[in-house]
Protein backbone atom coordinates (compact mmCIF):
# COMPACT_ATOMS: atom_id res chain seq x y z
CA MET A 1 0.00 0.00 0.00
CA GLN A 2 1.28 3.41 -0.99
CA VAL A 3 0.01 6.98 -1.07
CA GLY A 4 -2.33 7.27 -4.04
CA ASP A 5 -3.56 3.67 -3.86
CA PRO A 6 -7.25 2.93 -3.36
CA PHE A 7 -8.06 1.80 0.18
CA PRO A 8 -10.67 -0.97 0.59
CA VAL A 9 -12.96 1.10 2.81
CA ASP A 10 -15.96 -1.17 2.11
CA GLU A 11 -14.09 -4.13 3.63
CA LEU A 12 -14.07 -2.40 7.02
CA GLY A 13 -17.82 -2.89 7.24
CA LEU A 14 -18.51 0.63 8.48
CA PRO A 15 -21.97 2.05 7.96
CA GLY A 16 -22.09 5.28 5.97
CA ALA A 17 -18.52 4.96 4.73
CA ASP A 18 -18.42 8.40 3.08
CA GLY A 19 -15.88 11.09 3.88
CA ARG A 20 -12.35 11.11 5.17
CA LEU A 21 -11.14 8.33 7.40
CA VAL A 22 -8.22 7.63 9.71
CA VAL A 23 -7.54 3.88 9.97
CA TYR A 24 -5.01 2.77 12.52
CA PHE A 25 -3.71 -0.78 12.54
CA TYR A 26 -2.52 -2.14 15.87
CA PRO A 27 -0.90 -5.44 16.83
CA LYS A 28 -2.82 -6.85 19.81
CA ALA A 29 -5.76 -5.68 21.90
CA GLY A 30 -4.98 -5.25 25.57
CA THR A 31 -1.20 -4.99 25.27
CA PRO A 32 0.44 -1.91 26.82
CA GLY A 33 1.33 -0.16 23.53
CA CYS A 34 -2.05 -0.85 21.94
CA THR A 35 -3.88 0.29 25.06
CA LEU A 36 -1.87 3.52 25.11
CA GLU A 37 -2.58 4.10 21.42
CA ALA A 38 -6.31 3.46 21.86
CA HIS A 39 -6.48 5.87 24.81
CA GLU A 40 -4.53 8.55 22.90
CA PHE A 41 -6.79 8.30 19.85
CA ASN A 42 -9.87 8.31 22.10
CA ARG A 43 -8.57 11.43 23.87
CA ARG A 44 -8.25 13.23 20.52
CA TYR A 45 -11.30 11.72 18.84
CA ASP A 46 -13.43 14.86 19.23
CA SER A 47 -10.93 16.86 17.15
CA LEU A 48 -11.23 14.37 14.30
CA LYS A 49 -15.01 14.16 14.61
CA GLU A 50 -15.37 17.95 14.56
CA ALA A 51 -13.37 18.00 11.32
CA GLY A 52 -15.70 15.38 9.82
CA ILE A 53 -13.07 12.65 9.91
CA ARG A 54 -14.02 9.17 11.02
CA LEU A 55 -11.65 6.97 13.00
CA VAL A 56 -11.40 3.18 13.15
CA GLY A 57 -8.86 0.79 14.66
CA VAL A 58 -8.04 -2.53 12.96
CA SER A 59 -6.33 -5.64 14.30
CA ILE A 60 -6.34 -9.34 13.57
CA ASP A 61 -7.86 -10.03 16.99
CA PRO A 62 -11.23 -11.83 17.08
CA THR A 63 -14.34 -9.63 17.15
CA GLU A 64 -15.13 -10.54 20.76
CA GLU A 65 -11.62 -9.59 21.90
CA ASN A 66 -11.80 -6.23 20.14
CA ALA A 67 -15.27 -5.58 21.58
CA ALA A 68 -14.05 -6.30 25.12
CA PHE A 69 -10.99 -4.10 24.52
CA ALA A 70 -13.12 -1.22 23.21
CA GLN A 71 -15.46 -1.47 26.19
CA GLU A 72 -12.60 -1.71 28.69
CA CYS A 73 -10.97 1.39 27.19
CA GLY A 74 -14.28 3.28 26.82
CA LEU A 75 -13.61 3.91 23.14
CA GLU A 76 -15.95 6.21 21.26
CA PHE A 77 -14.89 4.89 17.85
CA PRO A 78 -15.17 1.40 16.35
CA LEU A 79 -12.58 -1.36 16.26
CA VAL A 80 -12.70 -3.77 13.33
CA SER A 81 -11.48 -7.36 13.45
CA ASP A 82 -9.50 -8.61 10.48
CA GLU A 83 -9.52 -12.09 11.97
CA GLY A 84 -7.24 -14.28 9.89
CA GLY A 85 -5.35 -11.20 8.70
CA GLU A 86 -6.49 -11.27 5.06
CA LEU A 87 -6.86 -7.50 4.67
CA THR A 88 -3.79 -6.75 6.78
CA THR A 89 -1.67 -9.13 4.70
CA ARG A 90 -3.01 -7.84 1.37
CA LEU A 91 -2.11 -4.28 2.39
CA GLY A 92 1.42 -5.38 3.32
CA LEU A 93 0.90 -4.55 6.99
CA MET A 94 1.52 -7.95 8.60
CA LYS A 95 4.62 -7.96 10.78
CA THR A 96 6.44 -10.66 12.73
CA TYR A 97 6.93 -9.78 16.39
CA GLY A 98 9.62 -12.34 17.21
CA GLU A 99 8.44 -15.27 19.29
CA TYR A 100 4.95 -13.76 19.61
CA GLY A 101 4.11 -14.35 15.96
CA ASP A 102 2.53 -12.31 13.19
CA PHE A 103 0.26 -9.35 13.90
CA ALA A 104 -0.69 -6.09 12.23
CA ALA A 105 2.12 -3.55 12.09
CA ARG A 106 1.51 -0.32 13.98
CA VAL A 107 0.61 1.83 10.97
CA THR A 108 -1.93 4.63 10.50
CA VAL A 109 -3.53 5.55 7.17
CA LEU A 110 -5.41 8.70 6.18
CA VAL A 111 -7.98 7.97 3.47
CA ASP A 112 -9.57 10.81 1.49
CA GLU A 113 -13.24 11.21 0.50
CA ASP A 114 -12.67 9.19 -2.67
CA GLY A 115 -11.23 6.20 -0.81
CA VAL A 116 -7.64 6.95 -1.80
CA VAL A 117 -4.68 6.69 0.59
CA GLU A 118 -3.60 10.26 1.32
CA GLU A 119 -0.93 9.63 3.94
CA ILE A 120 0.70 6.68 5.75
CA TRP A 121 2.48 6.79 9.09
CA ASP A 122 4.72 4.11 10.58
CA VAL A 123 4.37 4.60 14.31
CA GLU A 124 7.47 5.15 16.42
CA ASP A 125 6.33 7.16 19.43
CA ILE A 126 2.63 6.64 20.16
CA PRO A 127 1.61 9.93 21.87
CA SER A 128 3.45 12.18 19.41
CA HIS A 129 2.18 10.03 16.53
CA VAL A 130 -1.46 10.51 17.50
CA GLU A 131 -0.91 14.26 17.83
CA GLU A 132 0.68 14.37 14.36
CA VAL A 133 -2.14 12.33 12.78
CA VAL A 134 -4.81 14.57 14.29
CA GLU A 135 -2.96 17.77 13.41
CA ARG A 136 -2.26 16.80 9.80
CA SER A 137 -5.67 15.24 9.18
CA THR A 138 -7.61 18.20 10.53
CA ARG A 139 -5.30 20.76 8.88
CA GLN A 140 -5.73 19.09 5.48
CA HIS A 141 -9.49 19.11 6.07
CA GLU A 142 -9.45 22.91 6.61
CA ARG A 143 -7.93 23.58 3.17
């Protein structure tokens, strides 16, 4: 997946899939890094929503695990299960985490109104990453 590629928005199963979208892929529900990332996105969710940008998290965790994780974290945005990793693999976002196995890489994608990848971020520092995603996404929306 590269900037300019179509993003398979329909495969996320989101109702009313029109408009801009931030999709963040995360390795494993309930782990410290993924919990921090979910809380950081949740904390900044209003800024995205006010700019008309939807947010969704995606992992290869089972639906029930993602639902429990979302409830535990009090998330205001949906989490989608790519159980089996078909979408994650097709997008080139599957990563091996040593002895733990293969999971989604920690990558965030900004998708424009036409379903085209506008920007891709490989996450290094979670809090500053979320700030950058929100700042860039909402700034591009204001243009």
